[in-house]
Amino acid sequence: MMKKSFKHGLLVVMVTVFSISMYHAGWNFNKIAFSMFRFMTMSLAIGIIMGVFFKPRSWCTVCPMGTGTGLIQKQVGKQDLLGGLQMPGKKYRSQVKLFNLKRKLNDKKAA
């Protein structure tokens, strides 16, 4: 259940189901709200069932939101942010400290 292929497959299935539900809801606010409510309720039910039968927070290890966030984070990490610093990464904290130190030095020179 912890394999990437399972997580990515679950993400694809849940995004597809949610997209179909949104498509059928049209522009009706009540239908959109009910579709989102139904989607969140099913996610909660799956999480509770997995927590009871496996271990607490087991849904968090396969949650499509976390998987999707991780995929987005990988793509953002490949781009240069904060003036050439790479985010996120193992050296992120030290790079941010260095960036802040350089900024303070530049502020002192300008003053």
C-alpha atoms as a PDB file:
ATOM      1  CA  MET A   1       0.000   0.000   0.000  1.00  0.00           C
ATOM      2  CA  MET A   2       3.019   2.295   0.383  1.00  0.00           C
ATOM      3  CA  LYS A   3       4.281   1.857  -3.187  1.00  0.00           C
ATOM      4  CA  LYS A   4       4.389   4.916  -5.405  1.00  0.00           C
ATOM      5  CA  SER A   5       2.403   3.170  -8.127  1.00  0.00           C
ATOM      6  CA  PHE A   6      -0.465   2.542  -5.694  1.00  0.00           C
ATOM      7  CA  LYS A   7      -0.382   6.136  -4.439  1.00  0.00           C
ATOM      8  CA  HIS A   8      -0.313   7.556  -7.958  1.00  0.00           C
ATOM      9  CA  GLY A   9      -3.077   5.197  -9.081  1.00  0.00           C
ATOM     10  CA  LEU A  10      -5.253   6.240  -6.148  1.00  0.00           C
ATOM     11  CA  LEU A  11      -4.568   9.894  -6.984  1.00  0.00           C
ATOM     12  CA  VAL A  12      -5.623   9.373 -10.606  1.00  0.00           C
ATOM     13  CA  VAL A  13      -8.794   7.510  -9.594  1.00  0.00           C
ATOM     14  CA  MET A  14      -9.853  10.099  -7.026  1.00  0.00           C
ATOM     15  CA  VAL A  15      -9.121  13.083  -9.301  1.00  0.00           C
ATOM     16  CA  THR A  16     -11.054  11.378 -12.108  1.00  0.00           C
ATOM     17  CA  VAL A  17     -14.063  10.652  -9.880  1.00  0.00           C
ATOM     18  CA  PHE A  18     -13.992  14.209  -8.530  1.00  0.00           C
ATOM     19  CA  SER A  19     -13.714  15.679 -12.044  1.00  0.00           C
ATOM     20  CA  ILE A  20     -16.655  13.622 -13.310  1.00  0.00           C
ATOM     21  CA  SER A  21     -18.688  14.675 -10.278  1.00  0.00           C
ATOM     22  CA  MET A  22     -17.871  18.355 -10.922  1.00  0.00           C
ATOM     23  CA  TYR A  23     -18.734  17.980 -14.603  1.00  0.00           C
ATOM     24  CA  HIS A  24     -22.156  16.539 -13.792  1.00  0.00           C
ATOM     25  CA  ALA A  25     -22.760  19.257 -11.196  1.00  0.00           C
ATOM     26  CA  GLY A  26     -22.592  21.918 -13.904  1.00  0.00           C
ATOM     27  CA  TRP A  27     -22.715  25.495 -12.641  1.00  0.00           C
ATOM     28  CA  ASN A  28     -25.276  24.732  -9.932  1.00  0.00           C
ATOM     29  CA  PHE A  29     -23.766  25.843  -6.608  1.00  0.00           C
ATOM     30  CA  ASN A  30     -25.781  23.356  -4.533  1.00  0.00           C
ATOM     31  CA  LYS A  31     -24.715  20.417  -6.713  1.00  0.00           C
ATOM     32  CA  ILE A  32     -21.069  21.501  -6.576  1.00  0.00           C
ATOM     33  CA  ALA A  33     -21.248  21.848  -2.797  1.00  0.00           C
ATOM     34  CA  PHE A  34     -22.892  18.437  -2.429  1.00  0.00           C
ATOM     35  CA  SER A  35     -20.280  16.835  -4.716  1.00  0.00           C
ATOM     36  CA  MET A  36     -17.461  18.256  -2.617  1.00  0.00           C
ATOM     37  CA  PHE A  37     -19.206  17.242   0.606  1.00  0.00           C
ATOM     38  CA  ARG A  38     -19.716  13.709  -0.695  1.00  0.00           C
ATOM     39  CA  PHE A  39     -16.080  13.494  -1.788  1.00  0.00           C
ATOM     40  CA  MET A  40     -14.777  14.668   1.602  1.00  0.00           C
ATOM     41  CA  THR A  41     -17.178  12.379   3.474  1.00  0.00           C
ATOM     42  CA  MET A  42     -16.016   9.343   1.496  1.00  0.00           C
ATOM     43  CA  SER A  43     -12.395  10.298   2.168  1.00  0.00           C
ATOM     44  CA  LEU A  44     -13.192  10.586   5.888  1.00  0.00           C
ATOM     45  CA  ALA A  45     -14.968   7.214   5.883  1.00  0.00           C
ATOM     46  CA  ILE A  46     -12.046   5.517   4.131  1.00  0.00           C
ATOM     47  CA  GLY A  47      -9.647   7.141   6.608  1.00  0.00           C
ATOM     48  CA  ILE A  48     -11.653   5.945   9.607  1.00  0.00           C
ATOM     49  CA  ILE A  49     -11.946   2.414   8.232  1.00  0.00           C
ATOM     50  CA  MET A  50      -8.220   2.255   7.488  1.00  0.00           C
ATOM     51  CA  GLY A  51      -7.441   3.666  10.936  1.00  0.00           C
ATOM     52  CA  VAL A  52      -9.552   1.032  12.661  1.00  0.00           C
ATOM     53  CA  PHE A  53      -8.322  -1.973  10.660  1.00  0.00           C
ATOM     54  CA  PHE A  54      -4.667  -1.035  10.116  1.00  0.00           C
ATOM     55  CA  LYS A  55      -3.296   1.693  12.365  1.00  0.00           C
ATOM     56  CA  PRO A  56      -4.148   5.303  13.205  1.00  0.00           C
ATOM     57  CA  ARG A  57      -3.302   7.777  10.431  1.00  0.00           C
ATOM     58  CA  SER A  58      -2.730   4.995   7.894  1.00  0.00           C
ATOM     59  CA  TRP A  59      -4.846   6.975   5.408  1.00  0.00           C
ATOM     60  CA  CYS A  60      -2.257   9.766   5.631  1.00  0.00           C
ATOM     61  CA  THR A  61       0.379   7.515   4.070  1.00  0.00           C
ATOM     62  CA  VAL A  62      -1.666   6.998   0.899  1.00  0.00           C
ATOM     63  CA  CYS A  63      -3.768  10.182   0.872  1.00  0.00           C
ATOM     64  CA  PRO A  64      -4.028  11.599  -2.662  1.00  0.00           C
ATOM     65  CA  MET A  65      -3.660  15.158  -1.328  1.00  0.00           C
ATOM     66  CA  GLY A  66      -0.250  14.351   0.111  1.00  0.00           C
ATOM     67  CA  THR A  67       0.784  12.505  -3.034  1.00  0.00           C
ATOM     68  CA  GLY A  68      -0.314  15.390  -5.250  1.00  0.00           C
ATOM     69  CA  THR A  69       1.422  17.907  -3.005  1.00  0.00           C
ATOM     70  CA  GLY A  70       4.606  15.852  -3.170  1.00  0.00           C
ATOM     71  CA  LEU A  71       4.486  15.768  -6.962  1.00  0.00           C
ATOM     72  CA  ILE A  72       3.965  19.525  -7.128  1.00  0.00           C
ATOM     73  CA  GLN A  73       6.756  20.068  -4.614  1.00  0.00           C
ATOM     74  CA  LYS A  74       9.158  18.050  -6.794  1.00  0.00           C
ATOM     75  CA  GLN A  75       8.360  20.249  -9.778  1.00  0.00           C
ATOM     76  CA  VAL A  76       8.731  23.471  -7.788  1.00  0.00           C
ATOM     77  CA  GLY A  77      11.997  22.211  -6.315  1.00  0.00           C
ATOM     78  CA  LYS A  78      13.445  22.015  -9.828  1.00  0.00           C
ATOM     79  CA  GLN A  79      12.872  25.726 -10.403  1.00  0.00           C
ATOM     80  CA  ASP A  80      15.050  28.494  -9.041  1.00  0.00           C
ATOM     81  CA  LEU A  81      13.310  30.514  -6.359  1.00  0.00           C
ATOM     82  CA  LEU A  82      14.435  33.208  -3.920  1.00  0.00           C
ATOM     83  CA  GLY A  83      17.188  34.569  -6.116  1.00  0.00           C
ATOM     84  CA  GLY A  84      18.740  31.332  -7.278  1.00  0.00           C
ATOM     85  CA  LEU A  85      18.103  29.226  -4.173  1.00  0.00           C
ATOM     86  CA  GLN A  86      16.511  25.871  -4.739  1.00  0.00           C
ATOM     87  CA  MET A  87      13.382  25.043  -2.735  1.00  0.00           C
ATOM     88  CA  PRO A  88      12.812  22.584  -1.163  1.00  0.00           C
ATOM     89  CA  GLY A  89      15.898  20.544  -0.450  1.00  0.00           C
ATOM     90  CA  LYS A  90      18.228  19.268   2.204  1.00  0.00           C
ATOM     91  CA  LYS A  91      20.218  22.491   2.189  1.00  0.00           C
ATOM     92  CA  TYR A  92      17.130  24.706   2.263  1.00  0.00           C
ATOM     93  CA  ARG A  93      17.531  26.032   5.821  1.00  0.00           C
ATOM     94  CA  SER A  94      21.200  26.880   5.443  1.00  0.00           C
ATOM     95  CA  GLN A  95      20.513  28.546   2.090  1.00  0.00           C
ATOM     96  CA  VAL A  96      17.734  30.652   3.579  1.00  0.00           C
ATOM     97  CA  LYS A  97      20.017  31.689   6.454  1.00  0.00           C
ATOM     98  CA  LEU A  98      22.720  32.645   3.952  1.00  0.00           C
ATOM     99  CA  PHE A  99      20.187  34.578   1.866  1.00  0.00           C
ATOM    100  CA  ASN A 100      18.946  36.465   4.936  1.00  0.00           C
ATOM    101  CA  LEU A 101      22.516  37.216   6.052  1.00  0.00           C
ATOM    102  CA  LYS A 102      23.392  38.617   2.617  1.00  0.00           C
ATOM    103  CA  ARG A 103      20.237  40.718   2.659  1.00  0.00           C
ATOM    104  CA  LYS A 104      21.092  42.140   6.106  1.00  0.00           C
ATOM    105  CA  LEU A 105      24.614  42.990   4.947  1.00  0.00           C
ATOM    106  CA  ASN A 106      23.248  44.734   1.868  1.00  0.00           C
ATOM    107  CA  ASP A 107      20.771  46.666   4.025  1.00  0.00           C
ATOM    108  CA  LYS A 108      23.608  47.821   6.315  1.00  0.00           C
ATOM    109  CA  LYS A 109      25.692  48.947   3.315  1.00  0.00           C
ATOM    110  CA  ALA A 110      22.753  50.878   1.895  1.00  0.00           C
ATOM    111  CA  ALA A 111      22.089  52.654   5.221  1.00  0.00           C
END
